[in-house]
């Protein structure tokens, strides 16, 4: 992904988070940075067409609530992972 695409994606994500869950753009920007550097486990299940994505818990209850809601919204899109026939299924897990 090009630097421009990454930046555009990050801005879109920050704007969406700020509008939906965060009170301020700076708060959303900080959350997105944490999310991008957070650990996740990937478990492909090609037989069922699923890519299980387990995202590790974040530092605060508020961040984890936002993460759970974000996972729910992403799961509702039923979008296949780019270049595959696998549909990501996101969930949070304790670290």
C-alpha atoms as a PDB file:
ATOM      1  CA  UNK A   1       0.000   0.000   0.000  1.00  0.00           C
ATOM      2  CA  UNK A   2       1.405   3.418  -0.875  1.00  0.00           C
ATOM      3  CA  UNK A   3       2.107   6.078   1.734  1.00  0.00           C
ATOM      4  CA  UNK A   4      -0.730   8.164   0.317  1.00  0.00           C
ATOM      5  CA  UNK A   5      -3.175   5.246   0.592  1.00  0.00           C
ATOM      6  CA  UNK A   6      -2.101   4.520   4.158  1.00  0.00           C
ATOM      7  CA  UNK A   7      -2.497   8.162   5.116  1.00  0.00           C
ATOM      8  CA  UNK A   8      -5.916   8.384   3.445  1.00  0.00           C
ATOM      9  CA  UNK A   9      -7.014   5.200   5.243  1.00  0.00           C
ATOM     10  CA  UNK A  10      -5.748   6.499   8.557  1.00  0.00           C
ATOM     11  CA  UNK A  11      -7.538   9.847   8.107  1.00  0.00           C
ATOM     12  CA  UNK A  12     -10.764   8.040   7.142  1.00  0.00           C
ATOM     13  CA  UNK A  13     -10.464   5.767  10.161  1.00  0.00           C
ATOM     14  CA  UNK A  14      -9.706   8.640  12.546  1.00  0.00           C
ATOM     15  CA  UNK A  15     -12.607  10.690  11.204  1.00  0.00           C
ATOM     16  CA  UNK A  16     -14.991   7.752  11.517  1.00  0.00           C
ATOM     17  CA  UNK A  17     -13.835   6.997  15.052  1.00  0.00           C
ATOM     18  CA  UNK A  18     -14.077  10.630  16.085  1.00  0.00           C
ATOM     19  CA  UNK A  19     -17.605  10.886  14.728  1.00  0.00           C
ATOM     20  CA  UNK A  20     -18.783   7.564  16.150  1.00  0.00           C
ATOM     21  CA  UNK A  21     -16.969   6.923  19.440  1.00  0.00           C
ATOM     22  CA  UNK A  22     -14.456   9.602  20.420  1.00  0.00           C
ATOM     23  CA  UNK A  23     -15.121  13.139  21.539  1.00  0.00           C
ATOM     24  CA  UNK A  24     -12.090  14.739  19.881  1.00  0.00           C
ATOM     25  CA  UNK A  25     -10.039  14.130  16.739  1.00  0.00           C
ATOM     26  CA  UNK A  26      -6.853  13.944  18.859  1.00  0.00           C
ATOM     27  CA  UNK A  27      -8.405  11.177  20.947  1.00  0.00           C
ATOM     28  CA  UNK A  28      -9.339   9.279  17.788  1.00  0.00           C
ATOM     29  CA  UNK A  29      -5.839   9.740  16.344  1.00  0.00           C
ATOM     30  CA  UNK A  30      -4.285   8.378  19.529  1.00  0.00           C
ATOM     31  CA  UNK A  31      -6.646   5.396  19.513  1.00  0.00           C
ATOM     32  CA  UNK A  32      -5.870   4.558  15.880  1.00  0.00           C
ATOM     33  CA  UNK A  33      -2.125   4.649  16.652  1.00  0.00           C
ATOM     34  CA  UNK A  34      -2.673   2.192  19.521  1.00  0.00           C
ATOM     35  CA  UNK A  35      -4.803  -0.038  17.330  1.00  0.00           C
ATOM     36  CA  UNK A  36      -2.206  -0.120  14.527  1.00  0.00           C
ATOM     37  CA  UNK A  37       0.542  -1.177  16.936  1.00  0.00           C
ATOM     38  CA  UNK A  38      -1.567  -3.644  18.925  1.00  0.00           C
ATOM     39  CA  UNK A  39      -1.003  -7.378  18.600  1.00  0.00           C
ATOM     40  CA  UNK A  40      -3.428  -9.681  16.823  1.00  0.00           C
ATOM     41  CA  UNK A  41      -3.614 -13.404  16.091  1.00  0.00           C
ATOM     42  CA  UNK A  42      -4.580 -14.559  12.596  1.00  0.00           C
ATOM     43  CA  UNK A  43      -6.113 -18.005  12.105  1.00  0.00           C
ATOM     44  CA  UNK A  44      -7.117 -18.815   8.516  1.00  0.00           C
ATOM     45  CA  UNK A  45      -9.943 -21.308   8.105  1.00  0.00           C
ATOM     46  CA  UNK A  46     -10.039 -21.845   4.312  1.00  0.00           C
ATOM     47  CA  UNK A  47     -12.507 -24.743   4.557  1.00  0.00           C
ATOM     48  CA  UNK A  48     -15.122 -22.306   5.911  1.00  0.00           C
ATOM     49  CA  UNK A  49     -13.899 -19.223   4.021  1.00  0.00           C
ATOM     50  CA  UNK A  50     -12.980 -17.385   7.223  1.00  0.00           C
ATOM     51  CA  UNK A  51      -9.934 -15.507   8.481  1.00  0.00           C
ATOM     52  CA  UNK A  52     -10.250 -15.357  12.274  1.00  0.00           C
ATOM     53  CA  UNK A  53      -8.687 -12.146  13.601  1.00  0.00           C
ATOM     54  CA  UNK A  54      -8.206 -12.014  17.372  1.00  0.00           C
ATOM     55  CA  UNK A  55      -7.221  -8.523  18.483  1.00  0.00           C
ATOM     56  CA  UNK A  56      -5.582  -8.284  21.897  1.00  0.00           C
ATOM     57  CA  UNK A  57      -7.129  -6.120  24.597  1.00  0.00           C
ATOM     58  CA  UNK A  58      -6.099  -2.501  24.913  1.00  0.00           C
ATOM     59  CA  UNK A  59      -5.189  -0.545  28.056  1.00  0.00           C
ATOM     60  CA  UNK A  60      -8.513   0.893  29.227  1.00  0.00           C
ATOM     61  CA  UNK A  61     -12.145  -0.233  29.455  1.00  0.00           C
ATOM     62  CA  UNK A  62     -13.173   2.608  27.102  1.00  0.00           C
ATOM     63  CA  UNK A  63     -10.623   1.544  24.461  1.00  0.00           C
ATOM     64  CA  UNK A  64     -11.803  -2.064  24.735  1.00  0.00           C
ATOM     65  CA  UNK A  65     -15.454  -1.024  24.380  1.00  0.00           C
ATOM     66  CA  UNK A  66     -14.585   0.921  21.227  1.00  0.00           C
ATOM     67  CA  UNK A  67     -12.599  -2.071  19.944  1.00  0.00           C
ATOM     68  CA  UNK A  68     -15.526  -4.462  20.519  1.00  0.00           C
ATOM     69  CA  UNK A  69     -17.936  -2.124  18.734  1.00  0.00           C
ATOM     70  CA  UNK A  70     -15.469  -1.678  15.865  1.00  0.00           C
ATOM     71  CA  UNK A  71     -15.148  -5.475  15.532  1.00  0.00           C
ATOM     72  CA  UNK A  72     -18.945  -5.802  15.410  1.00  0.00           C
ATOM     73  CA  UNK A  73     -19.213  -3.192  12.659  1.00  0.00           C
ATOM     74  CA  UNK A  74     -16.392  -4.739  10.638  1.00  0.00           C
ATOM     75  CA  UNK A  75     -17.989  -8.194  10.948  1.00  0.00           C
ATOM     76  CA  UNK A  76     -21.299  -6.831   9.666  1.00  0.00           C
ATOM     77  CA  UNK A  77     -19.668  -5.767   6.373  1.00  0.00           C
ATOM     78  CA  UNK A  78     -18.944  -9.429   5.462  1.00  0.00           C
ATOM     79  CA  UNK A  79     -16.083  -8.206   3.243  1.00  0.00           C
ATOM     80  CA  UNK A  80     -13.524 -10.697   1.939  1.00  0.00           C
ATOM     81  CA  UNK A  81      -9.872 -10.079   2.711  1.00  0.00           C
ATOM     82  CA  UNK A  82      -8.166  -8.426  -0.251  1.00  0.00           C
ATOM     83  CA  UNK A  83      -6.860 -10.982  -2.729  1.00  0.00           C
ATOM     84  CA  UNK A  84      -8.487 -13.962  -1.029  1.00  0.00           C
ATOM     85  CA  UNK A  85     -11.875 -15.585  -0.610  1.00  0.00           C
ATOM     86  CA  UNK A  86     -11.540 -15.373   3.187  1.00  0.00           C
ATOM     87  CA  UNK A  87     -13.959 -13.228   5.186  1.00  0.00           C
ATOM     88  CA  UNK A  88     -12.298 -11.744   8.285  1.00  0.00           C
ATOM     89  CA  UNK A  89     -14.140 -12.374  11.546  1.00  0.00           C
ATOM     90  CA  UNK A  90     -12.870  -9.960  14.194  1.00  0.00           C
ATOM     91  CA  UNK A  91     -13.010 -10.471  17.940  1.00  0.00           C
ATOM     92  CA  UNK A  92     -11.157  -9.253  20.990  1.00  0.00           C
ATOM     93  CA  UNK A  93      -9.114 -11.459  23.279  1.00  0.00           C
ATOM     94  CA  UNK A  94      -7.365 -10.830  26.579  1.00  0.00           C
ATOM     95  CA  UNK A  95      -3.622 -10.519  26.287  1.00  0.00           C
END
